[in-house]
C-alpha cells in the first residue's frame, strides 16, 4: 500500500532523492518508524488524559459529597440559631 510522503519536518534530516530500491525501502522504514513513534506518543497522551479525567471526576464527586454534607450541617445549625434567637411568646 503506497502512503503519501510528507515533507520533512524540522527534526527530520533533509536527504537527497533516493534512486535505489534499497534506499526507498530504508526511507519507508524510517517513515514508518516516525509514524509509529508519533502514534505511540499520541496513545500515551490519550491514556493519560483519560486517566486524569476519571481521577478528576472521582475527586470532584467526593468533594461534592463533602460540600453537600457541610451545607446540610450549616442549614441545621442556622435553623437551631434562629429558633433560639426568637423570644418566647
PDB file of N, CA and C in Angstrom:
ATOM      1  N   UNK A   1       0.856  -1.181   0.000  1.00  0.00           N
ATOM      2  CA  UNK A   1       0.000   0.000   0.000  1.00  0.00           C
ATOM      3  C   UNK A   1       0.893   1.232   0.000  1.00  0.00           C
ATOM      4  N   UNK A   2       0.692   2.076  -0.932  1.00  0.00           N
ATOM      5  CA  UNK A   2       1.512   3.285  -1.031  1.00  0.00           C
ATOM      6  C   UNK A   2       0.935   4.347  -0.119  1.00  0.00           C
ATOM      7  N   UNK A   3       1.786   4.971   0.648  1.00  0.00           N
ATOM      8  CA  UNK A   3       1.380   6.059   1.536  1.00  0.00           C
ATOM      9  C   UNK A   3       1.927   7.361   0.980  1.00  0.00           C
ATOM     10  N   UNK A   4       1.186   8.421   1.150  1.00  0.00           N
ATOM     11  CA  UNK A   4       1.711   9.705   0.665  1.00  0.00           C
ATOM     12  C   UNK A   4       2.920  10.110   1.496  1.00  0.00           C
ATOM     13  N   UNK A   5       3.878  10.659   0.832  1.00  0.00           N
ATOM     14  CA  UNK A   5       5.056  11.128   1.560  1.00  0.00           C
ATOM     15  C   UNK A   5       4.810  12.547   1.998  1.00  0.00           C
ATOM     16  N   UNK A   6       5.243  12.827   3.203  1.00  0.00           N
ATOM     17  CA  UNK A   6       5.075  14.151   3.766  1.00  0.00           C
ATOM     18  C   UNK A   6       6.394  14.901   3.713  1.00  0.00           C
ATOM     19  N   UNK A   7       6.349  16.203   3.563  1.00  0.00           N
ATOM     20  CA  UNK A   7       7.613  16.950   3.558  1.00  0.00           C
ATOM     21  C   UNK A   7       8.295  16.781   4.910  1.00  0.00           C
ATOM     22  N   UNK A   8       9.605  16.766   4.926  1.00  0.00           N
ATOM     23  CA  UNK A   8      10.314  16.563   6.187  1.00  0.00           C
ATOM     24  C   UNK A   8      10.051  17.713   7.151  1.00  0.00           C
ATOM     25  N   UNK A   9       9.905  17.345   8.412  1.00  0.00           N
ATOM     26  CA  UNK A   9       9.731  18.371   9.440  1.00  0.00           C
ATOM     27  C   UNK A   9      11.101  18.798   9.930  1.00  0.00           C
ATOM     28  N   UNK A  10      11.105  19.754  10.839  1.00  0.00           N
ATOM     29  CA  UNK A  10      12.375  20.318  11.282  1.00  0.00           C
ATOM     30  C   UNK A  10      13.277  19.288  11.952  1.00  0.00           C
ATOM     31  N   UNK A  11      12.670  18.225  12.556  1.00  0.00           N
ATOM     32  CA  UNK A  11      13.503  17.242  13.240  1.00  0.00           C
ATOM     33  C   UNK A  11      13.973  16.120  12.307  1.00  0.00           C
ATOM     34  N   UNK A  12      13.439  16.043  11.110  1.00  0.00           N
ATOM     35  CA  UNK A  12      13.892  15.042  10.157  1.00  0.00           C
ATOM     36  C   UNK A  12      15.019  15.632   9.302  1.00  0.00           C
ATOM     37  N   UNK A  13      15.953  14.775   8.990  1.00  0.00           N
ATOM     38  CA  UNK A  13      17.081  15.239   8.179  1.00  0.00           C
ATOM     39  C   UNK A  13      16.667  15.321   6.717  1.00  0.00           C
ATOM     40  N   UNK A  14      17.124  16.360   6.036  1.00  0.00           N
ATOM     41  CA  UNK A  14      16.871  16.530   4.610  1.00  0.00           C
ATOM     42  C   UNK A  14      17.841  15.616   3.872  1.00  0.00           C
ATOM     43  N   UNK A  15      17.314  14.719   3.042  1.00  0.00           N
ATOM     44  CA  UNK A  15      18.177  13.807   2.297  1.00  0.00           C
ATOM     45  C   UNK A  15      17.995  14.046   0.804  1.00  0.00           C
ATOM     46  N   UNK A  16      19.025  13.776   0.049  1.00  0.00           N
ATOM     47  CA  UNK A  16      18.865  13.882  -1.407  1.00  0.00           C
ATOM     48  C   UNK A  16      17.902  12.792  -1.883  1.00  0.00           C
ATOM     49  N   UNK A  17      17.340  12.977  -3.059  1.00  0.00           N
ATOM     50  CA  UNK A  17      16.406  11.991  -3.617  1.00  0.00           C
ATOM     51  C   UNK A  17      17.098  10.634  -3.719  1.00  0.00           C
ATOM     52  N   UNK A  18      16.370   9.582  -3.297  1.00  0.00           N
ATOM     53  CA  UNK A  18      16.928   8.229  -3.335  1.00  0.00           C
ATOM     54  C   UNK A  18      16.471   7.555  -4.625  1.00  0.00           C
ATOM     55  N   UNK A  19      17.371   6.846  -5.225  1.00  0.00           N
ATOM     56  CA  UNK A  19      17.040   6.242  -6.504  1.00  0.00           C
ATOM     57  C   UNK A  19      17.041   4.725  -6.442  1.00  0.00           C
ATOM     58  N   UNK A  20      17.749   4.135  -5.516  1.00  0.00           N
ATOM     59  CA  UNK A  20      17.824   2.677  -5.476  1.00  0.00           C
ATOM     60  C   UNK A  20      16.665   2.107  -4.674  1.00  0.00           C
ATOM     61  N   UNK A  21      16.245   0.898  -4.990  1.00  0.00           N
ATOM     62  CA  UNK A  21      15.164   0.270  -4.216  1.00  0.00           C
ATOM     63  C   UNK A  21      15.524   0.132  -2.732  1.00  0.00           C
ATOM     64  N   UNK A  22      16.791  -0.168  -2.453  1.00  0.00           N
ATOM     65  CA  UNK A  22      17.213  -0.297  -1.057  1.00  0.00           C
ATOM     66  C   UNK A  22      17.047   1.028  -0.324  1.00  0.00           C
ATOM     67  N   UNK A  23      17.382   2.119  -0.986  1.00  0.00           N
ATOM     68  CA  UNK A  23      17.249   3.434  -0.359  1.00  0.00           C
ATOM     69  C   UNK A  23      15.772   3.771  -0.140  1.00  0.00           C
ATOM     70  N   UNK A  24      14.934   3.388  -1.092  1.00  0.00           N
ATOM     71  CA  UNK A  24      13.500   3.641  -0.939  1.00  0.00           C
ATOM     72  C   UNK A  24      12.927   2.829   0.212  1.00  0.00           C
ATOM     73  N   UNK A  25      13.378   1.580   0.322  1.00  0.00           N
ATOM     74  CA  UNK A  25      12.930   0.728   1.432  1.00  0.00           C
ATOM     75  C   UNK A  25      13.390   1.320   2.761  1.00  0.00           C
ATOM     76  N   UNK A  26      14.638   1.762   2.822  1.00  0.00           N
ATOM     77  CA  UNK A  26      15.173   2.372   4.046  1.00  0.00           C
ATOM     78  C   UNK A  26      14.360   3.616   4.421  1.00  0.00           C
ATOM     79  N   UNK A  27      14.067   4.441   3.432  1.00  0.00           N
ATOM     80  CA  UNK A  27      13.289   5.649   3.695  1.00  0.00           C
ATOM     81  C   UNK A  27      11.882   5.287   4.184  1.00  0.00           C
ATOM     82  N   UNK A  28      11.302   4.246   3.590  1.00  0.00           N
ATOM     83  CA  UNK A  28       9.969   3.804   4.009  1.00  0.00           C
ATOM     84  C   UNK A  28      10.000   3.321   5.461  1.00  0.00           C
ATOM     85  N   UNK A  29      11.013   2.537   5.831  1.00  0.00           N
ATOM     86  CA  UNK A  29      11.130   2.075   7.216  1.00  0.00           C
ATOM     87  C   UNK A  29      11.289   3.246   8.179  1.00  0.00           C
ATOM     88  N   UNK A  30      12.106   4.214   7.803  1.00  0.00           N
ATOM     89  CA  UNK A  30      12.299   5.383   8.663  1.00  0.00           C
ATOM     90  C   UNK A  30      10.995   6.158   8.825  1.00  0.00           C
ATOM     91  N   UNK A  31      10.254   6.287   7.726  1.00  0.00           N
ATOM     92  CA  UNK A  31       8.970   6.974   7.787  1.00  0.00           C
ATOM     93  C   UNK A  31       7.992   6.210   8.675  1.00  0.00           C
ATOM     94  N   UNK A  32       7.956   4.898   8.535  1.00  0.00           N
ATOM     95  CA  UNK A  32       7.072   4.082   9.364  1.00  0.00           C
ATOM     96  C   UNK A  32       7.463   4.156  10.839  1.00  0.00           C
ATOM     97  N   UNK A  33       8.756   4.156  11.112  1.00  0.00           N
ATOM     98  CA  UNK A  33       9.213   4.288  12.500  1.00  0.00           C
ATOM     99  C   UNK A  33       8.782   5.632  13.079  1.00  0.00           C
ATOM    100  N   UNK A  34       8.895   6.681  12.286  1.00  0.00           N
ATOM    101  CA  UNK A  34       8.471   8.006  12.737  1.00  0.00           C
ATOM    102  C   UNK A  34       6.981   8.019  13.032  1.00  0.00           C
ATOM    103  N   UNK A  35       6.182   7.460  12.126  1.00  0.00           N
ATOM    104  CA  UNK A  35       4.725   7.404  12.314  1.00  0.00           C
ATOM    105  C   UNK A  35       4.402   6.591  13.563  1.00  0.00           C
ATOM    106  N   UNK A  36       5.095   5.482  13.765  1.00  0.00           N
ATOM    107  CA  UNK A  36       4.867   4.647  14.952  1.00  0.00           C
ATOM    108  C   UNK A  36       5.216   5.411  16.227  1.00  0.00           C
ATOM    109  N   UNK A  37       6.294   6.159  16.201  1.00  0.00           N
ATOM    110  CA  UNK A  37       6.691   6.958  17.367  1.00  0.00           C
ATOM    111  C   UNK A  37       5.632   8.010  17.688  1.00  0.00           C
ATOM    112  N   UNK A  38       5.160   8.693  16.676  1.00  0.00           N
ATOM    113  CA  UNK A  38       4.120   9.711  16.873  1.00  0.00           C
ATOM    114  C   UNK A  38       2.838   9.056  17.377  1.00  0.00           C
ATOM    115  N   UNK A  39       2.444   7.940  16.767  1.00  0.00           N
ATOM    116  CA  UNK A  39       1.225   7.235  17.189  1.00  0.00           C
ATOM    117  C   UNK A  39       1.325   6.781  18.638  1.00  0.00           C
ATOM    118  N   UNK A  40       2.469   6.247  19.019  1.00  0.00           N
ATOM    119  CA  UNK A  40       2.665   5.800  20.397  1.00  0.00           C
ATOM    120  C   UNK A  40       2.578   6.981  21.354  1.00  0.00           C
ATOM    121  N   UNK A  41       3.165   8.091  20.980  1.00  0.00           N
ATOM    122  CA  UNK A  41       3.099   9.287  21.814  1.00  0.00           C
ATOM    123  C   UNK A  41       1.674   9.775  21.983  1.00  0.00           C
ATOM    124  N   UNK A  42       0.916   9.764  20.900  1.00  0.00           N
ATOM    125  CA  UNK A  42      -0.489  10.197  20.964  1.00  0.00           C
ATOM    126  C   UNK A  42      -1.286   9.247  21.847  1.00  0.00           C
ATOM    127  N   UNK A  43      -1.057   7.953  21.710  1.00  0.00           N
ATOM    128  CA  UNK A  43      -1.767   6.969  22.540  1.00  0.00           C
ATOM    129  C   UNK A  43      -1.472   7.203  24.020  1.00  0.00           C
ATOM    130  N   UNK A  44      -0.213   7.465  24.345  1.00  0.00           N
ATOM    131  CA  UNK A  44       0.151   7.705  25.744  1.00  0.00           C
ATOM    132  C   UNK A  44      -0.523   8.968  26.276  1.00  0.00           C
ATOM    133  N   UNK A  45      -0.585  10.002  25.459  1.00  0.00           N
ATOM    134  CA  UNK A  45      -1.245  11.246  25.882  1.00  0.00           C
ATOM    135  C   UNK A  45      -2.735  10.990  26.114  1.00  0.00           C
ATOM    136  N   UNK A  46      -3.376  10.253  25.210  1.00  0.00           N
ATOM    137  CA  UNK A  46      -4.802   9.950  25.362  1.00  0.00           C
ATOM    138  C   UNK A  46      -5.034   9.120  26.614  1.00  0.00           C
ATOM    139  N   UNK A  47      -4.190   8.125  26.867  1.00  0.00           N
ATOM    140  CA  UNK A  47      -4.328   7.312  28.080  1.00  0.00           C
ATOM    141  C   UNK A  47      -4.185   8.180  29.325  1.00  0.00           C
ATOM    142  N   UNK A  48      -3.207   9.080  29.315  1.00  0.00           N
ATOM    143  CA  UNK A  48      -3.031   9.981  30.461  1.00  0.00           C
ATOM    144  C   UNK A  48      -4.261  10.864  30.649  1.00  0.00           C
ATOM    145  N   UNK A  49      -4.761  11.450  29.569  1.00  0.00           N
ATOM    146  CA  UNK A  49      -5.921  12.336  29.675  1.00  0.00           C
ATOM    147  C   UNK A  49      -7.159  11.583  30.166  1.00  0.00           C
ATOM    148  N   UNK A  50      -7.354  10.353  29.688  1.00  0.00           N
ATOM    149  CA  UNK A  50      -8.488   9.553  30.156  1.00  0.00           C
ATOM    150  C   UNK A  50      -8.353   9.232  31.639  1.00  0.00           C
ATOM    151  N   UNK A  51      -7.158   8.870  32.045  1.00  0.00           N
ATOM    152  CA  UNK A  51      -6.909   8.572  33.458  1.00  0.00           C
ATOM    153  C   UNK A  51      -7.112   9.820  34.317  1.00  0.00           C
ATOM    154  N   UNK A  52      -6.610  10.948  33.852  1.00  0.00           N
ATOM    155  CA  UNK A  52      -6.766  12.210  34.579  1.00  0.00           C
ATOM    156  C   UNK A  52      -8.238  12.582  34.699  1.00  0.00           C
ATOM    157  N   UNK A  53      -8.981  12.394  33.617  1.00  0.00           N
ATOM    158  CA  UNK A  53     -10.408  12.726  33.628  1.00  0.00           C
ATOM    159  C   UNK A  53     -11.151  11.869  34.640  1.00  0.00           C
ATOM    160  N   UNK A  54     -10.862  10.571  34.678  1.00  0.00           N
ATOM    161  CA  UNK A  54     -11.521   9.686  35.636  1.00  0.00           C
ATOM    162  C   UNK A  54     -11.169  10.078  37.066  1.00  0.00           C
ATOM    163  N   UNK A  55      -9.915  10.373  37.301  1.00  0.00           N
ATOM    164  CA  UNK A  55      -9.470  10.778  38.632  1.00  0.00           C
ATOM    165  C   UNK A  55     -10.119  12.093  39.045  1.00  0.00           C
ATOM    166  N   UNK A  56     -10.166  13.045  38.140  1.00  0.00           N
ATOM    167  CA  UNK A  56     -10.764  14.347  38.440  1.00  0.00           C
ATOM    168  C   UNK A  56     -12.258  14.200  38.722  1.00  0.00           C
ATOM    169  N   UNK A  57     -12.956  13.377  37.935  1.00  0.00           N
ATOM    170  CA  UNK A  57     -14.388  13.153  38.177  1.00  0.00           C
ATOM    171  C   UNK A  57     -14.609  12.548  39.557  1.00  0.00           C
ATOM    172  N   UNK A  58     -13.796  11.573  39.921  1.00  0.00           N
ATOM    173  CA  UNK A  58     -13.936  10.935  41.226  1.00  0.00           C
ATOM    174  C   UNK A  58     -13.692  11.955  42.343  1.00  0.00           C
ATOM    175  N   UNK A  59     -12.619  12.696  42.235  1.00  0.00           N
ATOM    176  CA  UNK A  59     -12.296  13.680  43.270  1.00  0.00           C
ATOM    177  C   UNK A  59     -13.365  14.764  43.376  1.00  0.00           C
ATOM    178  N   UNK A  60     -13.901  15.191  42.248  1.00  0.00           N
ATOM    179  CA  UNK A  60     -14.973  16.188  42.277  1.00  0.00           C
ATOM    180  C   UNK A  60     -16.242  15.610  42.902  1.00  0.00           C
ATOM    181  N   UNK A  61     -16.526  14.342  42.650  1.00  0.00           N
ATOM    182  CA  UNK A  61     -17.701  13.709  43.260  1.00  0.00           C
ATOM    183  C   UNK A  61     -17.542  13.637  44.778  1.00  0.00           C
ATOM    184  N   UNK A  62     -16.341  13.279  45.246  1.00  0.00           N
ATOM    185  CA  UNK A  62     -16.076  13.238  46.686  1.00  0.00           C
ATOM    186  C   UNK A  62     -16.204  14.630  47.281  1.00  0.00           C
ATOM    187  N   UNK A  63     -15.651  15.613  46.624  1.00  0.00           N
ATOM    188  CA  UNK A  63     -15.748  16.992  47.091  1.00  0.00           C
ATOM    189  C   UNK A  63     -17.201  17.451  47.130  1.00  0.00           C
ATOM    190  N   UNK A  64     -17.977  17.090  46.126  1.00  0.00           N
ATOM    191  CA  UNK A  64     -19.388  17.449  46.085  1.00  0.00           C
ATOM    192  C   UNK A  64     -20.136  16.842  47.273  1.00  0.00           C
ATOM    193  N   UNK A  65     -19.839  15.580  47.594  1.00  0.00           N
ATOM    194  CA  UNK A  65     -20.464  14.940  48.753  1.00  0.00           C
ATOM    195  C   UNK A  65     -20.114  15.674  50.042  1.00  0.00           C
ATOM    196  N   UNK A  66     -18.857  16.039  50.190  1.00  0.00           N
ATOM    197  CA  UNK A  66     -18.430  16.765  51.391  1.00  0.00           C
ATOM    198  C   UNK A  66     -19.110  18.128  51.487  1.00  0.00           C
ATOM    199  N   UNK A  67     -19.180  18.840  50.371  1.00  0.00           N
ATOM    200  CA  UNK A  67     -19.837  20.148  50.373  1.00  0.00           C
ATOM    201  C   UNK A  67     -21.328  20.020  50.707  1.00  0.00           C
ATOM    202  N   UNK A  68     -21.961  19.008  50.156  1.00  0.00           N
ATOM    203  CA  UNK A  68     -23.375  18.782  50.460  1.00  0.00           C
ATOM    204  C   UNK A  68     -23.559  18.518  51.950  1.00  0.00           C
ATOM    205  N   UNK A  69     -22.693  17.723  52.527  1.00  0.00           N
ATOM    206  CA  UNK A  69     -22.762  17.429  53.959  1.00  0.00           C
ATOM    207  C   UNK A  69     -22.555  18.696  54.789  1.00  0.00           C
ATOM    208  N   UNK A  70     -21.584  19.513  54.402  1.00  0.00           N
ATOM    209  CA  UNK A  70     -21.325  20.766  55.118  1.00  0.00           C
ATOM    210  C   UNK A  70     -22.521  21.708  54.988  1.00  0.00           C
ATOM    211  N   UNK A  71     -23.115  21.776  53.804  1.00  0.00           N
ATOM    212  CA  UNK A  71     -24.289  22.632  53.601  1.00  0.00           C
ATOM    213  C   UNK A  71     -25.446  22.192  54.485  1.00  0.00           C
ATOM    214  N   UNK A  72     -25.679  20.883  54.571  1.00  0.00           N
ATOM    215  CA  UNK A  72     -26.752  20.383  55.438  1.00  0.00           C
ATOM    216  C   UNK A  72     -26.488  20.730  56.897  1.00  0.00           C
ATOM    217  N   UNK A  73     -25.248  20.541  57.328  1.00  0.00           N
ATOM    218  CA  UNK A  73     -24.906  20.877  58.717  1.00  0.00           C
ATOM    219  C   UNK A  73     -25.105  22.361  58.976  1.00  0.00           C
ATOM    220  N   UNK A  74     -24.697  23.189  58.032  1.00  0.00           N
ATOM    221  CA  UNK A  74     -24.845  24.634  58.187  1.00  0.00           C
ATOM    222  C   UNK A  74     -26.327  25.026  58.260  1.00  0.00           C
ATOM    223  N   UNK A  75     -27.141  24.430  57.401  1.00  0.00           N
ATOM    224  CA  UNK A  75     -28.581  24.717  57.440  1.00  0.00           C
ATOM    225  C   UNK A  75     -29.182  24.293  58.776  1.00  0.00           C
ATOM    226  N   UNK A  76     -28.759  23.149  59.291  1.00  0.00           N
ATOM    227  CA  UNK A  76     -29.254  22.674  60.585  1.00  0.00           C
ATOM    228  C   UNK A  76     -28.861  23.644  61.699  1.00  0.00           C
ATOM    229  N   UNK A  77     -27.605  24.066  61.697  1.00  0.00           N
ATOM    230  CA  UNK A  77     -27.113  24.992  62.726  1.00  0.00           C
ATOM    231  C   UNK A  77     -27.837  26.339  62.608  1.00  0.00           C
ATOM    232  N   UNK A  78     -28.024  26.840  61.385  1.00  0.00           N
ATOM    233  CA  UNK A  78     -28.741  28.104  61.197  1.00  0.00           C
ATOM    234  C   UNK A  78     -30.174  28.009  61.734  1.00  0.00           C
ATOM    235  N   UNK A  79     -30.828  26.890  61.468  1.00  0.00           N
ATOM    236  CA  UNK A  79     -32.197  26.705  61.958  1.00  0.00           C
ATOM    237  C   UNK A  79     -32.227  26.684  63.482  1.00  0.00           C
ATOM    238  N   UNK A  80     -31.239  26.036  64.111  1.00  0.00           N
ATOM    239  CA  UNK A  80     -31.172  25.995  65.572  1.00  0.00           C
ATOM    240  C   UNK A  80     -30.947  27.386  66.146  1.00  0.00           C
ATOM    241  N   UNK A  81     -30.034  28.148  65.519  1.00  0.00           N
ATOM    242  CA  UNK A  81     -29.722  29.500  65.997  1.00  0.00           C
ATOM    243  C   UNK A  81     -30.947  30.392  65.858  1.00  0.00           C
ATOM    244  N   UNK A  82     -31.642  30.309  64.747  1.00  0.00           N
ATOM    245  CA  UNK A  82     -32.844  31.120  64.534  1.00  0.00           C
ATOM    246  C   UNK A  82     -33.915  30.768  65.559  1.00  0.00           C
ATOM    247  N   UNK A  83     -34.037  29.502  65.893  1.00  0.00           N
ATOM    248  CA  UNK A  83     -35.035  29.075  66.854  1.00  0.00           C
ATOM    249  C   UNK A  83     -34.705  29.573  68.252  1.00  0.00           C
ATOM    250  N   UNK A  84     -33.415  29.600  68.604  1.00  0.00           N
ATOM    251  CA  UNK A  84     -33.022  30.063  69.927  1.00  0.00           C
ATOM    252  C   UNK A  84     -33.017  31.580  70.020  1.00  0.00           C
ATOM    253  N   UNK A  85     -32.906  32.273  68.883  1.00  0.00           N
ATOM    254  CA  UNK A  85     -32.903  33.744  68.889  1.00  0.00           C
ATOM    255  C   UNK A  85     -34.302  34.326  69.060  1.00  0.00           C
ATOM    256  N   UNK A  86     -35.334  33.555  68.762  1.00  0.00           N
ATOM    257  CA  UNK A  86     -36.687  34.075  68.860  1.00  0.00           C
ATOM    258  C   UNK A  86     -37.088  34.211  70.343  1.00  0.00           C
ATOM    259  N   UNK A  87     -37.690  35.344  70.698  1.00  0.00           N
ATOM    260  CA  UNK A  87     -38.124  35.492  72.079  1.00  0.00           C
ATOM    261  C   UNK A  87     -39.334  34.582  72.352  1.00  0.00           C
ATOM    262  N   UNK A  88     -39.440  34.086  73.575  1.00  0.00           N
ATOM    263  CA  UNK A  88     -40.567  33.213  73.893  1.00  0.00           C
ATOM    264  C   UNK A  88     -41.872  33.983  73.799  1.00  0.00           C
ATOM    265  N   UNK A  89     -42.909  33.347  73.380  1.00  0.00           N
ATOM    266  CA  UNK A  89     -44.193  34.014  73.210  1.00  0.00           C
ATOM    267  C   UNK A  89     -45.210  33.522  74.195  1.00  0.00           C
TER     268      UNK A  89
END
